[in-house]
Amino acid sequence: MINSPFTRWEGDDIHGRRPVLTSAWVNLDILFSRPADAPRHVIVTGLDLTGVVPGRLHGRFPSVEGDWYGIVNYEIGYADGRRDKLSLVDQFVPFTALRERR
């Protein structure tokens, strides 16, 4: 797990320390945007990189430009609707693609 300077921790040294996970929405349309004129070739067994999926934010990093990026765990589903999902851990995601999930 990536430990950022802004990672909050819970627990103690005796029982173990864990990063505090903040529920977030990950906007895949922003994260994986495609140019409007890009040709499409549909692959029905491919990943569905559209919509919004739940995630768990556990770290933050600022850029030199003042933009913020989160370290997020989330899952992406497949277009064919199968139950299995691609689990992504410790992903570097711009805050523009994140929203707090309540």
C-alpha atoms as a PDB file:
ATOM      1  CA  MET A   1       0.000   0.000   0.000  1.00  0.00           C
ATOM      2  CA  ILE A   2       1.312   3.427  -0.952  1.00  0.00           C
ATOM      3  CA  ASN A   3       1.828   5.674   2.058  1.00  0.00           C
ATOM      4  CA  SER A   4       1.368   9.331   1.136  1.00  0.00           C
ATOM      5  CA  PRO A   5       2.247  12.247   3.416  1.00  0.00           C
ATOM      6  CA  PHE A   6      -1.509  12.801   3.743  1.00  0.00           C
ATOM      7  CA  THR A   7      -2.500   9.206   4.570  1.00  0.00           C
ATOM      8  CA  ARG A   8      -4.485   9.056   7.800  1.00  0.00           C
ATOM      9  CA  TRP A   9      -3.973   6.026  10.017  1.00  0.00           C
ATOM     10  CA  GLU A  10      -6.102   4.271  12.626  1.00  0.00           C
ATOM     11  CA  GLY A  11      -5.163   1.695  15.225  1.00  0.00           C
ATOM     12  CA  ASP A  12      -1.969   1.544  17.241  1.00  0.00           C
ATOM     13  CA  ASP A  13       1.430  -0.124  17.326  1.00  0.00           C
ATOM     14  CA  ILE A  14       0.142  -2.936  19.556  1.00  0.00           C
ATOM     15  CA  HIS A  15      -2.919  -3.966  17.509  1.00  0.00           C
ATOM     16  CA  GLY A  16      -1.679  -2.801  14.137  1.00  0.00           C
ATOM     17  CA  ARG A  17      -2.127   0.341  12.089  1.00  0.00           C
ATOM     18  CA  ARG A  18      -4.386   0.595   9.036  1.00  0.00           C
ATOM     19  CA  PRO A  19      -4.915   3.438   6.601  1.00  0.00           C
ATOM     20  CA  VAL A  20      -8.264   5.192   6.905  1.00  0.00           C
ATOM     21  CA  LEU A  21     -10.276   4.433   3.764  1.00  0.00           C
ATOM     22  CA  THR A  22     -12.569   7.167   2.481  1.00  0.00           C
ATOM     23  CA  SER A  23     -15.457   6.063   0.277  1.00  0.00           C
ATOM     24  CA  ALA A  24     -15.305   7.757  -3.114  1.00  0.00           C
ATOM     25  CA  TRP A  25     -16.866   7.603  -6.554  1.00  0.00           C
ATOM     26  CA  VAL A  26     -14.445   7.161  -9.455  1.00  0.00           C
ATOM     27  CA  ASN A  27     -15.690   8.706 -12.703  1.00  0.00           C
ATOM     28  CA  LEU A  28     -14.339   6.402 -15.412  1.00  0.00           C
ATOM     29  CA  ASP A  29     -15.565   8.745 -18.173  1.00  0.00           C
ATOM     30  CA  ILE A  30     -13.113  11.381 -16.907  1.00  0.00           C
ATOM     31  CA  LEU A  31     -10.328   8.970 -16.033  1.00  0.00           C
ATOM     32  CA  PHE A  32     -10.450   7.147 -19.380  1.00  0.00           C
ATOM     33  CA  SER A  33     -11.729   9.876 -21.690  1.00  0.00           C
ATOM     34  CA  ARG A  34     -11.631   9.249 -25.435  1.00  0.00           C
ATOM     35  CA  PRO A  35     -11.422  11.845 -28.171  1.00  0.00           C
ATOM     36  CA  ALA A  36     -14.875  12.419 -29.681  1.00  0.00           C
ATOM     37  CA  ASP A  37     -13.627  11.499 -33.153  1.00  0.00           C
ATOM     38  CA  ALA A  38     -11.829   8.293 -32.079  1.00  0.00           C
ATOM     39  CA  PRO A  39     -13.038   5.277 -34.075  1.00  0.00           C
ATOM     40  CA  ARG A  40     -14.871   2.586 -32.110  1.00  0.00           C
ATOM     41  CA  HIS A  41     -14.405  -1.134 -32.400  1.00  0.00           C
ATOM     42  CA  VAL A  42     -16.664  -2.796 -29.837  1.00  0.00           C
ATOM     43  CA  ILE A  43     -15.219  -5.821 -28.023  1.00  0.00           C
ATOM     44  CA  VAL A  44     -18.079  -7.361 -26.034  1.00  0.00           C
ATOM     45  CA  THR A  45     -15.704  -9.102 -23.607  1.00  0.00           C
ATOM     46  CA  GLY A  46     -13.706  -5.900 -22.977  1.00  0.00           C
ATOM     47  CA  LEU A  47     -13.650  -3.684 -19.909  1.00  0.00           C
ATOM     48  CA  ASP A  48     -16.461  -1.164 -19.506  1.00  0.00           C
ATOM     49  CA  LEU A  49     -14.531   2.057 -18.895  1.00  0.00           C
ATOM     50  CA  THR A  50     -17.650   4.226 -18.668  1.00  0.00           C
ATOM     51  CA  GLY A  51     -19.780   5.455 -15.810  1.00  0.00           C
ATOM     52  CA  VAL A  52     -19.033   5.855 -12.132  1.00  0.00           C
ATOM     53  CA  VAL A  53     -17.801   3.090  -9.812  1.00  0.00           C
ATOM     54  CA  PRO A  54     -17.255   2.952  -6.049  1.00  0.00           C
ATOM     55  CA  GLY A  55     -13.712   3.286  -4.771  1.00  0.00           C
ATOM     56  CA  ARG A  56     -11.717   3.594  -1.549  1.00  0.00           C
ATOM     57  CA  LEU A  57      -9.339   6.547  -1.249  1.00  0.00           C
ATOM     58  CA  HIS A  58      -6.412   6.085   1.127  1.00  0.00           C
ATOM     59  CA  GLY A  59      -3.766   8.618   0.151  1.00  0.00           C
ATOM     60  CA  ARG A  60      -3.267  12.003  -1.469  1.00  0.00           C
ATOM     61  CA  PHE A  61      -0.458  13.738  -3.320  1.00  0.00           C
ATOM     62  CA  PRO A  62      -0.267  17.333  -4.624  1.00  0.00           C
ATOM     63  CA  SER A  63       1.445  18.130  -7.907  1.00  0.00           C
ATOM     64  CA  VAL A  64       3.827  21.033  -8.437  1.00  0.00           C
ATOM     65  CA  GLU A  65       0.987  22.738 -10.361  1.00  0.00           C
ATOM     66  CA  GLY A  66      -1.328  22.538  -7.327  1.00  0.00           C
ATOM     67  CA  ASP A  67      -3.510  19.699  -8.621  1.00  0.00           C
ATOM     68  CA  TRP A  68      -4.363  16.851  -6.255  1.00  0.00           C
ATOM     69  CA  TYR A  69      -4.188  13.119  -6.937  1.00  0.00           C
ATOM     70  CA  GLY A  70      -5.594  10.323  -4.834  1.00  0.00           C
ATOM     71  CA  ILE A  71      -4.399   6.789  -4.232  1.00  0.00           C
ATOM     72  CA  VAL A  72      -7.537   4.718  -4.794  1.00  0.00           C
ATOM     73  CA  ASN A  73      -8.626   1.083  -4.874  1.00  0.00           C
ATOM     74  CA  TYR A  74     -11.547   0.362  -7.212  1.00  0.00           C
ATOM     75  CA  GLU A  75     -12.961  -2.229  -9.601  1.00  0.00           C
ATOM     76  CA  ILE A  76     -13.882  -2.107 -13.283  1.00  0.00           C
ATOM     77  CA  GLY A  77     -16.519  -4.396 -14.732  1.00  0.00           C
ATOM     78  CA  TYR A  78     -16.609  -6.170 -18.070  1.00  0.00           C
ATOM     79  CA  ALA A  79     -18.987  -5.154 -20.860  1.00  0.00           C
ATOM     80  CA  ASP A  80     -20.520  -8.638 -21.043  1.00  0.00           C
ATOM     81  CA  GLY A  81     -21.882  -8.337 -17.489  1.00  0.00           C
ATOM     82  CA  ARG A  82     -19.877 -11.153 -15.902  1.00  0.00           C
ATOM     83  CA  ARG A  83     -19.593 -11.108 -12.112  1.00  0.00           C
ATOM     84  CA  ASP A  84     -15.799 -10.976 -12.068  1.00  0.00           C
ATOM     85  CA  LYS A  85     -14.281  -7.512 -12.070  1.00  0.00           C
ATOM     86  CA  LEU A  86     -10.790  -6.177 -12.572  1.00  0.00           C
ATOM     87  CA  SER A  87      -9.564  -5.077  -9.112  1.00  0.00           C
ATOM     88  CA  LEU A  88      -7.224  -2.120  -9.226  1.00  0.00           C
ATOM     89  CA  VAL A  89      -5.166  -1.366  -6.106  1.00  0.00           C
ATOM     90  CA  ASP A  90      -3.143   1.755  -5.263  1.00  0.00           C
ATOM     91  CA  GLN A  91      -4.128   3.598  -8.444  1.00  0.00           C
ATOM     92  CA  PHE A  92      -2.990   7.211  -8.960  1.00  0.00           C
ATOM     93  CA  VAL A  93      -6.219   9.091  -9.853  1.00  0.00           C
ATOM     94  CA  PRO A  94      -6.694  12.847 -10.391  1.00  0.00           C
ATOM     95  CA  PHE A  95      -9.169  14.423  -7.968  1.00  0.00           C
ATOM     96  CA  THR A  96     -11.114  15.686 -11.001  1.00  0.00           C
ATOM     97  CA  ALA A  97     -12.249  12.062 -11.464  1.00  0.00           C
ATOM     98  CA  LEU A  98     -13.132  11.552  -7.769  1.00  0.00           C
ATOM     99  CA  ARG A  99     -16.141  12.533  -5.687  1.00  0.00           C
ATOM    100  CA  GLU A 100     -16.828  11.743  -2.038  1.00  0.00           C
ATOM    101  CA  ARG A 101     -19.296   8.888  -1.578  1.00  0.00           C
ATOM    102  CA  ARG A 102     -21.608   9.239   1.422  1.00  0.00           C
END
